[in-house]
N, C-alpha and C. Protein backbone atom coordinates (compact mmCIF):
# COMPACT_ATOMS: atom_id res chain seq x y z
N MET A 1 -27.09 6.32 14.05
CA MET A 1 -27.35 7.12 12.88
C MET A 1 -26.26 8.18 12.69
N ILE A 2 -25.85 8.81 13.77
CA ILE A 2 -24.80 9.82 13.70
C ILE A 2 -23.50 9.17 13.23
N GLU A 3 -23.24 7.97 13.70
CA GLU A 3 -22.06 7.22 13.30
C GLU A 3 -22.04 7.02 11.78
N GLU A 4 -23.17 6.66 11.20
CA GLU A 4 -23.29 6.44 9.76
C GLU A 4 -23.00 7.73 8.98
N VAL A 5 -23.53 8.83 9.45
CA VAL A 5 -23.35 10.12 8.77
C VAL A 5 -21.90 10.57 8.84
N ASN A 6 -21.23 10.33 9.96
CA ASN A 6 -19.88 10.80 10.17
C ASN A 6 -18.79 9.90 9.58
N THR A 7 -19.14 8.73 9.10
CA THR A 7 -18.15 7.83 8.52
C THR A 7 -17.87 8.23 7.08
N PRO A 8 -16.60 8.52 6.75
CA PRO A 8 -16.27 8.91 5.37
C PRO A 8 -16.64 7.80 4.38
N ALA A 9 -17.00 8.19 3.18
CA ALA A 9 -17.45 7.24 2.14
C ALA A 9 -16.40 6.18 1.86
N SER A 10 -15.13 6.54 1.84
CA SER A 10 -14.08 5.56 1.54
C SER A 10 -14.03 4.46 2.60
N PHE A 11 -14.30 4.80 3.86
CA PHE A 11 -14.32 3.80 4.91
C PHE A 11 -15.54 2.90 4.79
N LYS A 12 -16.66 3.48 4.38
CA LYS A 12 -17.87 2.68 4.17
C LYS A 12 -17.64 1.65 3.07
N VAL A 13 -17.00 2.07 2.00
CA VAL A 13 -16.69 1.15 0.89
C VAL A 13 -15.78 0.04 1.38
N GLY A 14 -14.74 0.41 2.11
CA GLY A 14 -13.80 -0.58 2.64
C GLY A 14 -14.46 -1.57 3.56
N GLU A 15 -15.30 -1.08 4.45
CA GLU A 15 -16.00 -1.98 5.39
C GLU A 15 -16.98 -2.89 4.66
N ALA A 16 -17.65 -2.37 3.64
CA ALA A 16 -18.58 -3.20 2.85
C ALA A 16 -17.81 -4.31 2.13
N PHE A 17 -16.64 -3.97 1.57
CA PHE A 17 -15.86 -4.99 0.87
C PHE A 17 -15.30 -6.02 1.85
N GLU A 18 -14.85 -5.60 3.01
CA GLU A 18 -14.38 -6.55 4.02
C GLU A 18 -15.49 -7.53 4.40
N HIS A 19 -16.69 -7.02 4.55
CA HIS A 19 -17.83 -7.89 4.86
C HIS A 19 -18.03 -8.90 3.73
N TYR A 20 -17.97 -8.44 2.50
CA TYR A 20 -18.10 -9.33 1.34
C TYR A 20 -17.03 -10.43 1.37
N VAL A 21 -15.79 -10.03 1.62
CA VAL A 21 -14.66 -10.98 1.63
C VAL A 21 -14.90 -12.08 2.66
N ARG A 22 -15.37 -11.71 3.83
CA ARG A 22 -15.61 -12.71 4.88
C ARG A 22 -16.83 -13.57 4.56
N GLU A 23 -17.86 -12.98 4.03
CA GLU A 23 -19.10 -13.71 3.77
C GLU A 23 -19.01 -14.66 2.58
N PHE A 24 -18.25 -14.27 1.55
CA PHE A 24 -18.25 -15.05 0.32
C PHE A 24 -16.93 -15.72 -0.05
N ILE A 25 -15.80 -15.18 0.37
CA ILE A 25 -14.51 -15.70 -0.09
C ILE A 25 -13.79 -16.48 1.00
N PHE A 26 -13.57 -15.89 2.14
CA PHE A 26 -12.91 -16.57 3.25
C PHE A 26 -13.96 -16.97 4.28
N ILE A 27 -14.73 -17.98 3.92
CA ILE A 27 -15.89 -18.38 4.71
C ILE A 27 -15.48 -19.19 5.94
N ASP A 28 -16.33 -19.15 6.96
CA ASP A 28 -15.98 -19.81 8.22
C ASP A 28 -15.89 -21.33 8.11
N ARG A 29 -16.47 -21.89 7.10
CA ARG A 29 -16.34 -23.34 6.88
C ARG A 29 -14.88 -23.73 6.61
N TYR A 30 -14.16 -22.84 5.92
CA TYR A 30 -12.77 -23.12 5.55
C TYR A 30 -11.74 -22.40 6.43
N TYR A 31 -12.13 -21.26 7.01
CA TYR A 31 -11.17 -20.42 7.72
C TYR A 31 -11.74 -19.89 9.03
N THR A 32 -10.94 -19.97 10.07
CA THR A 32 -11.29 -19.41 11.37
C THR A 32 -10.73 -18.00 11.45
N LEU A 33 -11.58 -17.06 11.81
CA LEU A 33 -11.15 -15.68 11.97
C LEU A 33 -10.44 -15.52 13.31
N ILE A 34 -9.18 -15.10 13.26
CA ILE A 34 -8.38 -14.92 14.48
C ILE A 34 -8.39 -13.46 14.91
N GLU A 35 -8.19 -12.57 13.95
CA GLU A 35 -8.15 -11.13 14.23
C GLU A 35 -8.84 -10.39 13.09
N LYS A 36 -9.37 -9.23 13.42
CA LYS A 36 -9.95 -8.34 12.42
C LYS A 36 -9.69 -6.92 12.89
N THR A 37 -9.29 -6.05 11.97
CA THR A 37 -9.04 -4.67 12.36
C THR A 37 -10.34 -3.99 12.78
N HIS A 38 -10.20 -2.98 13.58
CA HIS A 38 -11.36 -2.28 14.10
C HIS A 38 -11.96 -1.34 13.05
N ASP A 39 -13.23 -1.04 13.19
CA ASP A 39 -13.91 -0.19 12.22
C ASP A 39 -13.61 1.29 12.46
N TYR A 40 -14.07 2.11 11.54
CA TYR A 40 -13.81 3.55 11.59
C TYR A 40 -14.31 4.17 12.90
N HIS A 41 -15.52 3.78 13.30
CA HIS A 41 -16.11 4.37 14.51
C HIS A 41 -15.23 4.10 15.73
N THR A 42 -14.82 2.87 15.92
CA THR A 42 -13.98 2.52 17.07
C THR A 42 -12.68 3.31 17.03
N ASN A 43 -12.03 3.34 15.86
CA ASN A 43 -10.74 4.01 15.76
C ASN A 43 -10.84 5.53 15.84
N SER A 44 -11.97 6.10 15.46
CA SER A 44 -12.11 7.56 15.57
C SER A 44 -12.31 7.98 17.02
N TYR A 45 -12.85 7.06 17.81
CA TYR A 45 -13.08 7.34 19.23
C TYR A 45 -11.82 7.06 20.05
N ASP A 46 -11.21 5.91 19.82
CA ASP A 46 -10.03 5.49 20.58
C ASP A 46 -9.21 4.58 19.68
N TYR A 47 -8.22 5.14 18.99
CA TYR A 47 -7.48 4.40 17.97
C TYR A 47 -6.81 3.16 18.55
N VAL A 48 -7.03 2.04 17.88
CA VAL A 48 -6.45 0.76 18.29
C VAL A 48 -5.25 0.48 17.40
N GLU A 49 -4.07 0.42 17.98
CA GLU A 49 -2.84 0.28 17.20
C GLU A 49 -2.82 -0.96 16.32
N SER A 50 -3.47 -2.03 16.73
CA SER A 50 -3.48 -3.25 15.92
C SER A 50 -4.21 -3.04 14.59
N SER A 51 -4.89 -1.90 14.44
CA SER A 51 -5.55 -1.59 13.17
C SER A 51 -4.54 -1.34 12.05
N LEU A 52 -3.27 -1.23 12.39
CA LEU A 52 -2.23 -1.09 11.38
C LEU A 52 -1.93 -2.41 10.68
N LYS A 53 -2.35 -3.51 11.28
CA LYS A 53 -2.14 -4.82 10.68
C LYS A 53 -3.08 -4.98 9.48
N PRO A 54 -2.82 -5.98 8.63
CA PRO A 54 -3.79 -6.25 7.55
C PRO A 54 -5.18 -6.52 8.14
N ASP A 55 -6.21 -6.40 7.30
CA ASP A 55 -7.60 -6.43 7.75
C ASP A 55 -8.01 -7.67 8.52
N PHE A 56 -7.52 -8.83 8.09
CA PHE A 56 -7.91 -10.09 8.72
C PHE A 56 -6.69 -10.94 9.02
N LYS A 57 -6.82 -11.75 10.06
CA LYS A 57 -5.88 -12.85 10.27
C LYS A 57 -6.75 -14.10 10.40
N PHE A 58 -6.43 -15.10 9.57
CA PHE A 58 -7.20 -16.34 9.54
C PHE A 58 -6.33 -17.53 9.88
N ARG A 59 -6.99 -18.62 10.25
CA ARG A 59 -6.36 -19.94 10.34
C ARG A 59 -7.07 -20.83 9.34
N ASP A 60 -6.30 -21.47 8.50
CA ASP A 60 -6.83 -22.41 7.53
C ASP A 60 -7.29 -23.66 8.29
N ASN A 61 -8.56 -23.97 8.22
CA ASN A 61 -9.10 -25.11 8.98
C ASN A 61 -8.56 -26.46 8.49
N TRP A 62 -8.05 -26.51 7.28
CA TRP A 62 -7.52 -27.75 6.72
C TRP A 62 -6.07 -27.98 7.12
N THR A 63 -5.24 -26.92 6.99
CA THR A 63 -3.80 -27.07 7.24
C THR A 63 -3.37 -26.56 8.62
N GLY A 64 -4.17 -25.71 9.23
CA GLY A 64 -3.79 -25.09 10.49
C GLY A 64 -2.88 -23.88 10.32
N ARG A 65 -2.50 -23.57 9.09
CA ARG A 65 -1.62 -22.43 8.84
C ARG A 65 -2.37 -21.11 9.05
N GLU A 66 -1.68 -20.14 9.62
CA GLU A 66 -2.25 -18.81 9.83
C GLU A 66 -1.71 -17.86 8.77
N PHE A 67 -2.53 -16.87 8.41
CA PHE A 67 -2.15 -15.91 7.39
C PHE A 67 -3.01 -14.66 7.53
N TYR A 68 -2.50 -13.58 6.95
CA TYR A 68 -3.23 -12.31 6.92
C TYR A 68 -3.86 -12.11 5.55
N VAL A 69 -4.93 -11.31 5.52
CA VAL A 69 -5.55 -10.87 4.27
C VAL A 69 -5.81 -9.37 4.37
N GLU A 70 -5.32 -8.65 3.38
CA GLU A 70 -5.63 -7.23 3.26
C GLU A 70 -6.62 -7.08 2.12
N ALA A 71 -7.76 -6.44 2.39
CA ALA A 71 -8.84 -6.29 1.41
C ALA A 71 -8.87 -4.86 0.89
N LYS A 72 -8.87 -4.72 -0.43
CA LYS A 72 -8.93 -3.41 -1.08
C LYS A 72 -9.97 -3.45 -2.18
N PHE A 73 -10.74 -2.38 -2.29
CA PHE A 73 -11.72 -2.28 -3.37
C PHE A 73 -11.41 -1.04 -4.19
N ARG A 74 -11.42 -1.20 -5.51
CA ARG A 74 -11.15 -0.09 -6.41
C ARG A 74 -12.22 -0.04 -7.50
N THR A 75 -12.54 1.18 -7.93
CA THR A 75 -13.55 1.35 -8.98
C THR A 75 -12.92 1.41 -10.37
N GLY A 76 -11.61 1.52 -10.45
CA GLY A 76 -10.97 1.58 -11.75
C GLY A 76 -9.46 1.60 -11.64
N LEU A 77 -8.84 1.77 -12.78
CA LEU A 77 -7.38 1.80 -12.88
C LEU A 77 -6.90 3.25 -12.83
N TYR A 78 -5.63 3.41 -12.50
CA TYR A 78 -4.99 4.71 -12.52
C TYR A 78 -3.72 4.57 -13.35
N LYS A 79 -3.65 5.30 -14.44
CA LYS A 79 -2.51 5.21 -15.37
C LYS A 79 -2.24 3.76 -15.76
N ASP A 80 -3.30 3.05 -16.12
CA ASP A 80 -3.24 1.65 -16.57
C ASP A 80 -2.76 0.68 -15.51
N LYS A 81 -2.83 1.05 -14.26
CA LYS A 81 -2.43 0.15 -13.17
C LYS A 81 -3.54 0.06 -12.14
N LEU A 82 -3.55 -1.05 -11.44
CA LEU A 82 -4.46 -1.26 -10.32
C LEU A 82 -3.71 -0.83 -9.07
N VAL A 83 -3.90 0.43 -8.67
CA VAL A 83 -3.19 0.98 -7.51
C VAL A 83 -3.95 0.55 -6.26
N TRP A 84 -3.32 -0.27 -5.45
CA TRP A 84 -4.02 -0.88 -4.32
C TRP A 84 -3.58 -0.36 -2.96
N CYS A 85 -2.45 0.35 -2.89
CA CYS A 85 -2.01 0.90 -1.61
C CYS A 85 -0.99 2.00 -1.87
N ASN A 86 -0.53 2.63 -0.80
CA ASN A 86 0.56 3.59 -0.92
C ASN A 86 1.84 2.94 -0.38
N GLN A 87 2.97 3.60 -0.54
CA GLN A 87 4.25 2.99 -0.17
C GLN A 87 4.35 2.70 1.33
N LYS A 88 3.82 3.58 2.15
CA LYS A 88 3.87 3.37 3.60
C LYS A 88 3.08 2.10 3.99
N GLN A 89 1.92 1.91 3.37
CA GLN A 89 1.13 0.70 3.64
C GLN A 89 1.88 -0.53 3.15
N LEU A 90 2.43 -0.48 1.96
CA LEU A 90 3.17 -1.63 1.42
C LEU A 90 4.31 -2.02 2.34
N ASP A 91 5.05 -1.04 2.83
CA ASP A 91 6.15 -1.31 3.77
C ASP A 91 5.62 -2.00 5.03
N ARG A 92 4.50 -1.54 5.52
CA ARG A 92 3.90 -2.12 6.72
C ARG A 92 3.44 -3.55 6.47
N TYR A 93 2.79 -3.81 5.33
CA TYR A 93 2.35 -5.17 5.01
C TYR A 93 3.55 -6.10 4.84
N GLN A 94 4.63 -5.59 4.27
CA GLN A 94 5.84 -6.41 4.11
C GLN A 94 6.44 -6.76 5.46
N TYR A 95 6.35 -5.86 6.41
CA TYR A 95 6.82 -6.13 7.77
C TYR A 95 6.03 -7.30 8.37
N TYR A 96 4.70 -7.27 8.25
CA TYR A 96 3.88 -8.35 8.80
C TYR A 96 4.08 -9.65 8.02
N HIS A 97 4.38 -9.52 6.75
CA HIS A 97 4.61 -10.71 5.91
C HIS A 97 5.84 -11.49 6.37
N GLN A 98 6.78 -10.81 6.99
CA GLN A 98 7.97 -11.49 7.52
C GLN A 98 7.60 -12.44 8.67
N GLN A 99 6.50 -12.16 9.35
CA GLN A 99 6.05 -12.96 10.49
C GLN A 99 5.04 -14.03 10.08
N CYS A 100 4.23 -13.72 9.07
CA CYS A 100 3.10 -14.56 8.70
C CYS A 100 2.69 -14.20 7.26
N PRO A 101 2.38 -15.18 6.41
CA PRO A 101 2.04 -14.84 5.02
C PRO A 101 0.91 -13.82 4.93
N VAL A 102 1.04 -12.91 3.97
CA VAL A 102 0.01 -11.90 3.71
C VAL A 102 -0.48 -12.09 2.28
N PHE A 103 -1.80 -12.11 2.13
CA PHE A 103 -2.44 -12.13 0.82
C PHE A 103 -3.23 -10.83 0.66
N VAL A 104 -3.29 -10.35 -0.57
CA VAL A 104 -4.06 -9.14 -0.87
C VAL A 104 -5.21 -9.54 -1.77
N ILE A 105 -6.42 -9.20 -1.36
CA ILE A 105 -7.58 -9.43 -2.22
C ILE A 105 -8.08 -8.07 -2.68
N ILE A 106 -8.18 -7.92 -3.99
CA ILE A 106 -8.59 -6.65 -4.58
C ILE A 106 -9.87 -6.87 -5.36
N GLY A 107 -10.88 -6.11 -5.02
CA GLY A 107 -12.13 -6.13 -5.75
C GLY A 107 -12.18 -4.95 -6.70
N LEU A 108 -12.74 -5.18 -7.86
CA LEU A 108 -12.83 -4.12 -8.87
C LEU A 108 -14.26 -4.05 -9.37
N GLY A 109 -14.79 -2.84 -9.47
CA GLY A 109 -16.15 -2.65 -9.97
C GLY A 109 -16.77 -1.38 -9.42
N ASN A 110 -18.09 -1.35 -9.42
CA ASN A 110 -18.81 -0.17 -8.94
C ASN A 110 -19.38 -0.33 -7.55
N ASP A 111 -19.52 -1.57 -7.08
CA ASP A 111 -20.16 -1.83 -5.79
C ASP A 111 -19.33 -2.84 -5.00
N PRO A 112 -18.84 -2.46 -3.82
CA PRO A 112 -18.00 -3.36 -3.04
C PRO A 112 -18.72 -4.63 -2.57
N GLN A 113 -20.03 -4.62 -2.59
CA GLN A 113 -20.79 -5.80 -2.19
C GLN A 113 -21.02 -6.75 -3.36
N TYR A 114 -20.74 -6.27 -4.58
CA TYR A 114 -20.91 -7.07 -5.80
C TYR A 114 -19.75 -6.78 -6.77
N PRO A 115 -18.53 -7.15 -6.40
CA PRO A 115 -17.40 -6.85 -7.28
C PRO A 115 -17.53 -7.58 -8.62
N GLU A 116 -17.09 -6.91 -9.67
CA GLU A 116 -17.12 -7.50 -11.00
C GLU A 116 -15.92 -8.40 -11.24
N ALA A 117 -14.82 -8.11 -10.57
CA ALA A 117 -13.59 -8.91 -10.69
C ALA A 117 -12.90 -8.95 -9.34
N LEU A 118 -12.21 -10.06 -9.09
CA LEU A 118 -11.45 -10.23 -7.85
C LEU A 118 -10.07 -10.79 -8.16
N THR A 119 -9.08 -10.28 -7.47
CA THR A 119 -7.72 -10.77 -7.56
C THR A 119 -7.27 -11.12 -6.14
N LEU A 120 -6.71 -12.31 -5.99
CA LEU A 120 -6.15 -12.73 -4.70
C LEU A 120 -4.68 -13.05 -4.94
N ILE A 121 -3.83 -12.17 -4.46
CA ILE A 121 -2.41 -12.25 -4.78
C ILE A 121 -1.56 -12.31 -3.52
N PRO A 122 -0.60 -13.22 -3.48
CA PRO A 122 0.33 -13.23 -2.34
C PRO A 122 1.13 -11.93 -2.32
N LEU A 123 1.38 -11.40 -1.16
CA LEU A 123 2.11 -10.13 -1.07
C LEU A 123 3.46 -10.23 -1.76
N ALA A 124 4.09 -11.39 -1.71
CA ALA A 124 5.40 -11.56 -2.35
C ALA A 124 5.33 -11.29 -3.86
N LYS A 125 4.15 -11.42 -4.46
CA LYS A 125 3.97 -11.17 -5.90
C LYS A 125 3.42 -9.77 -6.15
N ALA A 126 2.99 -9.09 -5.11
CA ALA A 126 2.47 -7.72 -5.21
C ALA A 126 3.55 -6.78 -4.68
N LYS A 127 4.60 -6.65 -5.43
CA LYS A 127 5.80 -5.94 -4.95
C LYS A 127 5.70 -4.43 -5.04
N TYR A 128 4.69 -3.95 -5.76
CA TYR A 128 4.57 -2.51 -5.98
C TYR A 128 3.18 -2.04 -5.58
N THR A 129 3.05 -0.74 -5.39
CA THR A 129 1.77 -0.17 -4.99
C THR A 129 0.74 -0.22 -6.11
N GLY A 130 1.21 -0.31 -7.34
CA GLY A 130 0.33 -0.43 -8.49
C GLY A 130 0.67 -1.69 -9.27
N LEU A 131 -0.35 -2.47 -9.59
CA LEU A 131 -0.15 -3.71 -10.33
C LEU A 131 -0.54 -3.52 -11.79
N HIS A 132 0.28 -4.02 -12.68
CA HIS A 132 -0.13 -4.08 -14.08
C HIS A 132 -1.31 -5.03 -14.15
N ILE A 133 -2.25 -4.74 -15.01
CA ILE A 133 -3.45 -5.55 -15.10
C ILE A 133 -3.11 -6.99 -15.47
N SER A 134 -2.05 -7.20 -16.25
CA SER A 134 -1.64 -8.57 -16.62
C SER A 134 -1.22 -9.38 -15.39
N VAL A 135 -0.61 -8.72 -14.41
CA VAL A 135 -0.23 -9.41 -13.16
C VAL A 135 -1.49 -9.73 -12.37
N ALA A 136 -2.37 -8.76 -12.23
CA ALA A 136 -3.61 -8.96 -11.47
C ALA A 136 -4.42 -10.11 -12.07
N GLU A 137 -4.48 -10.18 -13.39
CA GLU A 137 -5.27 -11.22 -14.05
C GLU A 137 -4.75 -12.63 -13.77
N LYS A 138 -3.44 -12.77 -13.55
CA LYS A 138 -2.85 -14.09 -13.25
C LYS A 138 -3.39 -14.66 -11.94
N PHE A 139 -3.87 -13.79 -11.07
CA PHE A 139 -4.32 -14.21 -9.74
C PHE A 139 -5.82 -14.01 -9.56
N GLU A 140 -6.52 -13.89 -10.66
CA GLU A 140 -7.96 -13.65 -10.62
C GLU A 140 -8.70 -14.87 -10.04
N ILE A 141 -9.72 -14.59 -9.23
CA ILE A 141 -10.59 -15.64 -8.69
C ILE A 141 -12.04 -15.27 -9.02
N GLU A 142 -12.91 -16.26 -8.91
CA GLU A 142 -14.32 -16.04 -9.21
C GLU A 142 -15.02 -15.28 -8.09
N PRO A 143 -15.75 -14.23 -8.44
CA PRO A 143 -16.56 -13.54 -7.42
C PRO A 143 -17.59 -14.51 -6.83
N ASP A 144 -17.89 -14.32 -5.58
CA ASP A 144 -18.92 -15.08 -4.86
C ASP A 144 -18.60 -16.55 -4.66
N LYS A 145 -17.38 -16.98 -4.96
CA LYS A 145 -17.01 -18.38 -4.79
C LYS A 145 -15.88 -18.48 -3.76
N ALA A 146 -16.13 -19.20 -2.69
CA ALA A 146 -15.14 -19.32 -1.61
C ALA A 146 -13.84 -19.92 -2.13
N ILE A 147 -12.75 -19.43 -1.60
CA ILE A 147 -11.44 -19.97 -1.94
C ILE A 147 -11.12 -21.12 -0.99
N THR A 148 -10.72 -22.23 -1.55
CA THR A 148 -10.38 -23.40 -0.72
C THR A 148 -8.93 -23.30 -0.26
N SER A 149 -8.56 -24.14 0.66
CA SER A 149 -7.19 -24.21 1.14
C SER A 149 -6.24 -24.48 -0.02
N LYS A 150 -6.58 -25.45 -0.84
CA LYS A 150 -5.74 -25.79 -2.00
C LYS A 150 -5.57 -24.60 -2.93
N GLY A 151 -6.67 -23.90 -3.21
CA GLY A 151 -6.63 -22.73 -4.08
C GLY A 151 -5.81 -21.59 -3.50
N LEU A 152 -5.86 -21.44 -2.19
CA LEU A 152 -5.12 -20.37 -1.53
C LEU A 152 -3.61 -20.61 -1.60
N TRP A 153 -3.19 -21.77 -1.17
CA TRP A 153 -1.76 -22.03 -1.03
C TRP A 153 -1.08 -22.34 -2.37
N ALA A 154 -1.85 -22.56 -3.42
CA ALA A 154 -1.27 -22.80 -4.75
C ALA A 154 -0.89 -21.50 -5.45
N ARG A 155 -1.18 -20.38 -4.86
CA ARG A 155 -0.94 -19.07 -5.49
C ARG A 155 0.51 -18.71 -5.49
């Protein structure tokens, strides 16, 4: 209970959206979870350096290819852009992308457990910290519908 009270709201939102991403989009039928970053409680007690990596590392059960997924949830736009990270984070994700493909999934709406819109974009196409909505829309996927191997790698 103390852990719940002490967890900042932004971390709760992030953790709820990560849970949604694993439960509905990158399901275990299609993807094996290899790594997952540690939660706020673990890192506040004893920071785990691997938490700097994107949120998930998966193996595609169909192709065997491994890849990272960074999950971000936003309630709205900022200056007509979908701002999904800061420059330091983008630099870090680009570093990991050199080793293994990175995809960014962005949920938009009021509730991270029920996003109104989802965008799944390869990091190579998310070159800036803020995406124009027209770019995000090109990579839109259906909420609550798992992404298949074919759908993932065709992006």
